[in-house]
């Protein structure tokens, strides 16, 4: 799986229709109309997200690996 930073993943979420609701410290909170889920994406510069966290975010957001 390709490593991706929180900043780049946040851009991908916005392309997929997720909306930045608020920022809490270094975490950006994203929501999407019609889903009860909130995603709290850590934005720590260009530091890549851990693989387990990235897989969880992808599953919840409905993003496939080839879309990274």
PDB file of N, CA and C in Angstrom:
ATOM      1  N   UNK A   1       0.843  -1.185   0.000  1.00  0.00           N
ATOM      2  CA  UNK A   1       0.000   0.000   0.000  1.00  0.00           C
ATOM      3  C   UNK A   1       0.884   1.242   0.000  1.00  0.00           C
ATOM      4  N   UNK A   2       0.484   2.213  -0.782  1.00  0.00           N
ATOM      5  CA  UNK A   2       1.228   3.461  -0.914  1.00  0.00           C
ATOM      6  C   UNK A   2       1.071   4.309   0.357  1.00  0.00           C
ATOM      7  N   UNK A   3       2.186   4.856   0.836  1.00  0.00           N
ATOM      8  CA  UNK A   3       2.135   5.746   1.993  1.00  0.00           C
ATOM      9  C   UNK A   3       1.595   7.100   1.550  1.00  0.00           C
ATOM     10  N   UNK A   4       0.750   7.697   2.376  1.00  0.00           N
ATOM     11  CA  UNK A   4       0.147   8.985   2.047  1.00  0.00           C
ATOM     12  C   UNK A   4       0.073   9.814   3.333  1.00  0.00           C
ATOM     13  N   UNK A   5       0.336  11.099   3.204  1.00  0.00           N
ATOM     14  CA  UNK A   5       0.297  11.969   4.388  1.00  0.00           C
ATOM     15  C   UNK A   5      -1.145  12.337   4.720  1.00  0.00           C
ATOM     16  N   UNK A   6      -1.356  12.797   5.925  1.00  0.00           N
ATOM     17  CA  UNK A   6      -2.683  13.234   6.341  1.00  0.00           C
ATOM     18  C   UNK A   6      -3.173  14.394   5.492  1.00  0.00           C
ATOM     19  N   UNK A   7      -2.255  15.277   5.110  1.00  0.00           N
ATOM     20  CA  UNK A   7      -2.600  16.430   4.278  1.00  0.00           C
ATOM     21  C   UNK A   7      -3.117  15.979   2.909  1.00  0.00           C
ATOM     22  N   UNK A   8      -2.430  15.014   2.306  1.00  0.00           N
ATOM     23  CA  UNK A   8      -2.844  14.504   0.994  1.00  0.00           C
ATOM     24  C   UNK A   8      -4.148  13.716   1.098  1.00  0.00           C
ATOM     25  N   UNK A   9      -4.320  12.972   2.195  1.00  0.00           N
ATOM     26  CA  UNK A   9      -5.558  12.217   2.379  1.00  0.00           C
ATOM     27  C   UNK A   9      -6.740  13.167   2.561  1.00  0.00           C
ATOM     28  N   UNK A  10      -6.520  14.274   3.245  1.00  0.00           N
ATOM     29  CA  UNK A  10      -7.573  15.270   3.429  1.00  0.00           C
ATOM     30  C   UNK A  10      -8.010  15.847   2.084  1.00  0.00           C
ATOM     31  N   UNK A  11      -7.059  16.103   1.194  1.00  0.00           N
ATOM     32  CA  UNK A  11      -7.394  16.598  -0.147  1.00  0.00           C
ATOM     33  C   UNK A  11      -8.233  15.570  -0.901  1.00  0.00           C
ATOM     34  N   UNK A  12      -7.875  14.290  -0.762  1.00  0.00           N
ATOM     35  CA  UNK A  12      -8.621  13.222  -1.418  1.00  0.00           C
ATOM     36  C   UNK A  12     -10.050  13.137  -0.880  1.00  0.00           C
ATOM     37  N   UNK A  13     -10.191  13.291   0.438  1.00  0.00           N
ATOM     38  CA  UNK A  13     -11.533  13.271   1.037  1.00  0.00           C
ATOM     39  C   UNK A  13     -12.395  14.396   0.471  1.00  0.00           C
ATOM     40  N   UNK A  14     -11.824  15.574   0.331  1.00  0.00           N
ATOM     41  CA  UNK A  14     -12.580  16.711  -0.195  1.00  0.00           C
ATOM     42  C   UNK A  14     -13.010  16.478  -1.638  1.00  0.00           C
ATOM     43  N   UNK A  15     -12.173  15.806  -2.427  1.00  0.00           N
ATOM     44  CA  UNK A  15     -12.549  15.463  -3.801  1.00  0.00           C
ATOM     45  C   UNK A  15     -13.722  14.483  -3.818  1.00  0.00           C
ATOM     46  N   UNK A  16     -13.803  13.627  -2.787  1.00  0.00           N
ATOM     47  CA  UNK A  16     -14.850  12.611  -2.704  1.00  0.00           C
ATOM     48  C   UNK A  16     -16.136  13.134  -2.056  1.00  0.00           C
ATOM     49  N   UNK A  17     -16.201  14.426  -1.763  1.00  0.00           N
ATOM     50  CA  UNK A  17     -17.429  15.010  -1.242  1.00  0.00           C
ATOM     51  C   UNK A  17     -17.473  15.192   0.265  1.00  0.00           C
ATOM     52  N   UNK A  18     -16.384  14.888   0.965  1.00  0.00           N
ATOM     53  CA  UNK A  18     -16.341  15.110   2.409  1.00  0.00           C
ATOM     54  C   UNK A  18     -16.085  16.588   2.670  1.00  0.00           C
ATOM     55  N   UNK A  19     -16.662  17.089   3.744  1.00  0.00           N
ATOM     56  CA  UNK A  19     -16.582  18.516   4.064  1.00  0.00           C
ATOM     57  C   UNK A  19     -15.825  18.715   5.374  1.00  0.00           C
ATOM     58  N   UNK A  20     -14.904  19.661   5.372  1.00  0.00           N
ATOM     59  CA  UNK A  20     -14.166  19.996   6.591  1.00  0.00           C
ATOM     60  C   UNK A  20     -15.120  20.735   7.525  1.00  0.00           C
ATOM     61  N   UNK A  21     -15.440  20.113   8.654  1.00  0.00           N
ATOM     62  CA  UNK A  21     -16.388  20.704   9.590  1.00  0.00           C
ATOM     63  C   UNK A  21     -15.669  21.635  10.564  1.00  0.00           C
ATOM     64  N   UNK A  22     -14.538  21.169  11.101  1.00  0.00           N
ATOM     65  CA  UNK A  22     -13.794  22.001  12.042  1.00  0.00           C
ATOM     66  C   UNK A  22     -12.379  21.474  12.176  1.00  0.00           C
ATOM     67  N   UNK A  23     -11.527  22.253  12.830  1.00  0.00           N
ATOM     68  CA  UNK A  23     -10.156  21.853  13.106  1.00  0.00           C
ATOM     69  C   UNK A  23      -9.969  21.887  14.609  1.00  0.00           C
ATOM     70  N   UNK A  24      -9.462  20.782  15.136  1.00  0.00           N
ATOM     71  CA  UNK A  24      -9.207  20.684  16.568  1.00  0.00           C
ATOM     72  C   UNK A  24      -7.727  20.358  16.751  1.00  0.00           C
ATOM     73  N   UNK A  25      -6.933  21.382  16.986  1.00  0.00           N
ATOM     74  CA  UNK A  25      -5.488  21.181  17.080  1.00  0.00           C
ATOM     75  C   UNK A  25      -4.924  20.791  15.728  1.00  0.00           C
ATOM     76  N   UNK A  26      -4.250  19.635  15.675  1.00  0.00           N
ATOM     77  CA  UNK A  26      -3.681  19.177  14.410  1.00  0.00           C
ATOM     78  C   UNK A  26      -4.585  18.168  13.704  1.00  0.00           C
ATOM     79  N   UNK A  27      -5.821  18.022  14.170  1.00  0.00           N
ATOM     80  CA  UNK A  27      -6.762  17.081  13.569  1.00  0.00           C
ATOM     81  C   UNK A  27      -7.875  17.832  12.837  1.00  0.00           C
ATOM     82  N   UNK A  28      -8.108  17.438  11.603  1.00  0.00           N
ATOM     83  CA  UNK A  28      -9.181  18.016  10.806  1.00  0.00           C
ATOM     84  C   UNK A  28     -10.360  17.050  10.833  1.00  0.00           C
ATOM     85  N   UNK A  29     -11.526  17.551  11.199  1.00  0.00           N
ATOM     86  CA  UNK A  29     -12.727  16.742  11.340  1.00  0.00           C
ATOM     87  C   UNK A  29     -13.554  16.872  10.062  1.00  0.00           C
ATOM     88  N   UNK A  30     -13.775  15.729   9.391  1.00  0.00           N
ATOM     89  CA  UNK A  30     -14.529  15.704   8.137  1.00  0.00           C
ATOM     90  C   UNK A  30     -15.850  14.979   8.325  1.00  0.00           C
ATOM     91  N   UNK A  31     -16.889  15.479   7.662  1.00  0.00           N
ATOM     92  CA  UNK A  31     -18.212  14.859   7.666  1.00  0.00           C
ATOM     93  C   UNK A  31     -18.714  14.799   6.229  1.00  0.00           C
ATOM     94  N   UNK A  32     -19.688  13.912   6.005  1.00  0.00           N
ATOM     95  CA  UNK A  32     -20.291  13.808   4.672  1.00  0.00           C
ATOM     96  C   UNK A  32     -21.793  13.697   4.852  1.00  0.00           C
ATOM     97  N   UNK A  33     -22.511  14.446   4.040  1.00  0.00           N
ATOM     98  CA  UNK A  33     -23.971  14.444   4.085  1.00  0.00           C
ATOM     99  C   UNK A  33     -24.491  13.024   3.849  1.00  0.00           C
ATOM    100  N   UNK A  34     -25.395  12.591   4.705  1.00  0.00           N
ATOM    101  CA  UNK A  34     -26.006  11.274   4.546  1.00  0.00           C
ATOM    102  C   UNK A  34     -25.295  10.159   5.286  1.00  0.00           C
ATOM    103  N   UNK A  35     -24.163  10.439   5.907  1.00  0.00           N
ATOM    104  CA  UNK A  35     -23.468   9.424   6.695  1.00  0.00           C
ATOM    105  C   UNK A  35     -23.304   9.920   8.128  1.00  0.00           C
ATOM    106  N   UNK A  36     -23.483   9.033   9.106  1.00  0.00           N
ATOM    107  CA  UNK A  36     -23.345   9.452  10.502  1.00  0.00           C
ATOM    108  C   UNK A  36     -21.890   9.489  10.971  1.00  0.00           C
ATOM    109  N   UNK A  37     -20.961   9.201  10.082  1.00  0.00           N
ATOM    110  CA  UNK A  37     -19.553   9.057  10.442  1.00  0.00           C
ATOM    111  C   UNK A  37     -18.815  10.387  10.391  1.00  0.00           C
ATOM    112  N   UNK A  38     -17.910  10.588  11.340  1.00  0.00           N
ATOM    113  CA  UNK A  38     -16.978  11.715  11.320  1.00  0.00           C
ATOM    114  C   UNK A  38     -15.575  11.132  11.225  1.00  0.00           C
ATOM    115  N   UNK A  39     -14.744  11.717  10.410  1.00  0.00           N
ATOM    116  CA  UNK A  39     -13.351  11.284  10.296  1.00  0.00           C
ATOM    117  C   UNK A  39     -12.454  12.365  10.882  1.00  0.00           C
ATOM    118  N   UNK A  40     -11.591  11.980  11.806  1.00  0.00           N
ATOM    119  CA  UNK A  40     -10.640  12.900  12.415  1.00  0.00           C
ATOM    120  C   UNK A  40      -9.259  12.581  11.848  1.00  0.00           C
ATOM    121  N   UNK A  41      -8.848  13.356  10.850  1.00  0.00           N
ATOM    122  CA  UNK A  41      -7.603  13.088  10.144  1.00  0.00           C
ATOM    123  C   UNK A  41      -6.463  13.896  10.769  1.00  0.00           C
ATOM    124  N   UNK A  42      -5.413  13.212  11.255  1.00  0.00           N
ATOM    125  CA  UNK A  42      -4.272  13.938  11.818  1.00  0.00           C
ATOM    126  C   UNK A  42      -3.432  14.567  10.712  1.00  0.00           C
ATOM    127  N   UNK A  43      -3.189  15.862  10.818  1.00  0.00           N
ATOM    128  CA  UNK A  43      -2.374  16.590   9.846  1.00  0.00           C
ATOM    129  C   UNK A  43      -1.076  16.972  10.553  1.00  0.00           C
ATOM    130  N   UNK A  44      -0.038  16.191  10.319  1.00  0.00           N
ATOM    131  CA  UNK A  44       1.258  16.439  10.941  1.00  0.00           C
ATOM    132  C   UNK A  44       2.289  16.670   9.840  1.00  0.00           C
ATOM    133  N   UNK A  45       2.149  17.782   9.139  1.00  0.00           N
ATOM    134  CA  UNK A  45       3.059  18.099   8.038  1.00  0.00           C
ATOM    135  C   UNK A  45       2.929  17.078   6.930  1.00  0.00           C
ATOM    136  N   UNK A  46       4.056  16.583   6.455  1.00  0.00           N
ATOM    137  CA  UNK A  46       4.053  15.574   5.399  1.00  0.00           C
ATOM    138  C   UNK A  46       4.342  14.182   5.946  1.00  0.00           C
ATOM    139  N   UNK A  47       4.163  14.011   7.250  1.00  0.00           N
ATOM    140  CA  UNK A  47       4.392  12.713   7.871  1.00  0.00           C
ATOM    141  C   UNK A  47       3.300  11.735   7.418  1.00  0.00           C
ATOM    142  N   UNK A  48       3.689  10.542   6.940  1.00  0.00           N
ATOM    143  CA  UNK A  48       2.671   9.604   6.430  1.00  0.00           C
ATOM    144  C   UNK A  48       1.801   9.028   7.548  1.00  0.00           C
ATOM    145  N   UNK A  49       0.549   8.715   7.183  1.00  0.00           N
ATOM    146  CA  UNK A  49      -0.362   8.068   8.122  1.00  0.00           C
ATOM    147  C   UNK A  49       0.085   6.625   8.325  1.00  0.00           C
ATOM    148  N   UNK A  50      -0.161   6.084   9.501  1.00  0.00           N
ATOM    149  CA  UNK A  50       0.134   4.680   9.763  1.00  0.00           C
ATOM    150  C   UNK A  50      -0.782   3.828   8.898  1.00  0.00           C
ATOM    151  N   UNK A  51      -0.312   2.661   8.486  1.00  0.00           N
ATOM    152  CA  UNK A  51      -1.036   1.810   7.550  1.00  0.00           C
ATOM    153  C   UNK A  51      -2.409   1.398   8.088  1.00  0.00           C
ATOM    154  N   UNK A  52      -2.484   0.998   9.353  1.00  0.00           N
ATOM    155  CA  UNK A  52      -3.765   0.577   9.934  1.00  0.00           C
ATOM    156  C   UNK A  52      -4.783   1.702   9.956  1.00  0.00           C
ATOM    157  N   UNK A  53      -4.345   2.887  10.305  1.00  0.00           N
ATOM    158  CA  UNK A  53      -5.235   4.051  10.335  1.00  0.00           C
ATOM    159  C   UNK A  53      -5.693   4.409   8.926  1.00  0.00           C
ATOM    160  N   UNK A  54      -4.775   4.360   7.977  1.00  0.00           N
ATOM    161  CA  UNK A  54      -5.106   4.665   6.588  1.00  0.00           C
ATOM    162  C   UNK A  54      -6.141   3.667   6.052  1.00  0.00           C
ATOM    163  N   UNK A  55      -5.952   2.371   6.342  1.00  0.00           N
ATOM    164  CA  UNK A  55      -6.909   1.353   5.888  1.00  0.00           C
ATOM    165  C   UNK A  55      -8.282   1.578   6.499  1.00  0.00           C
ATOM    166  N   UNK A  56      -8.322   1.954   7.772  1.00  0.00           N
ATOM    167  CA  UNK A  56      -9.609   2.232   8.435  1.00  0.00           C
ATOM    168  C   UNK A  56     -10.302   3.427   7.785  1.00  0.00           C
ATOM    169  N   UNK A  57      -9.561   4.504   7.575  1.00  0.00           N
ATOM    170  CA  UNK A  57     -10.136   5.691   6.928  1.00  0.00           C
ATOM    171  C   UNK A  57     -10.677   5.351   5.544  1.00  0.00           C
ATOM    172  N   UNK A  58      -9.918   4.554   4.785  1.00  0.00           N
ATOM    173  CA  UNK A  58     -10.336   4.190   3.436  1.00  0.00           C
ATOM    174  C   UNK A  58     -11.621   3.372   3.467  1.00  0.00           C
ATOM    175  N   UNK A  59     -11.726   2.460   4.411  1.00  0.00           N
ATOM    176  CA  UNK A  59     -12.925   1.623   4.525  1.00  0.00           C
ATOM    177  C   UNK A  59     -14.142   2.470   4.869  1.00  0.00           C
ATOM    178  N   UNK A  60     -14.002   3.349   5.828  1.00  0.00           N
ATOM    179  CA  UNK A  60     -15.109   4.197   6.269  1.00  0.00           C
ATOM    180  C   UNK A  60     -15.521   5.181   5.173  1.00  0.00           C
ATOM    181  N   UNK A  61     -14.533   5.750   4.473  1.00  0.00           N
ATOM    182  CA  UNK A  61     -14.823   6.766   3.456  1.00  0.00           C
ATOM    183  C   UNK A  61     -15.193   6.165   2.104  1.00  0.00           C
ATOM    184  N   UNK A  62     -15.037   4.850   1.957  1.00  0.00           N
ATOM    185  CA  UNK A  62     -15.369   4.205   0.690  1.00  0.00           C
ATOM    186  C   UNK A  62     -14.368   4.497  -0.412  1.00  0.00           C
ATOM    187  N   UNK A  63     -13.096   4.563  -0.030  1.00  0.00           N
ATOM    188  CA  UNK A  63     -12.024   4.840  -0.990  1.00  0.00           C
ATOM    189  C   UNK A  63     -11.247   3.554  -1.240  1.00  0.00           C
ATOM    190  N   UNK A  64     -11.037   3.232  -2.519  1.00  0.00           N
ATOM    191  CA  UNK A  64     -10.284   2.038  -2.878  1.00  0.00           C
ATOM    192  C   UNK A  64      -8.800   2.384  -2.979  1.00  0.00           C
ATOM    193  N   UNK A  65      -7.964   1.331  -2.870  1.00  0.00           N
ATOM    194  CA  UNK A  65      -6.510   1.534  -2.866  1.00  0.00           C
ATOM    195  C   UNK A  65      -6.018   2.155  -4.170  1.00  0.00           C
ATOM    196  N   UNK A  66      -6.651   1.836  -5.295  1.00  0.00           N
ATOM    197  CA  UNK A  66      -6.191   2.389  -6.571  1.00  0.00           C
ATOM    198  C   UNK A  66      -6.529   3.869  -6.727  1.00  0.00           C
ATOM    199  N   UNK A  67      -7.321   4.438  -5.819  1.00  0.00           N
ATOM    200  CA  UNK A  67      -7.666   5.861  -5.870  1.00  0.00           C
ATOM    201  C   UNK A  67      -6.653   6.736  -5.133  1.00  0.00           C
ATOM    202  N   UNK A  68      -5.723   6.122  -4.426  1.00  0.00           N
ATOM    203  CA  UNK A  68      -4.714   6.890  -3.693  1.00  0.00           C
ATOM    204  C   UNK A  68      -3.760   7.584  -4.614  1.00  0.00           C
TER     205      UNK A  68
END
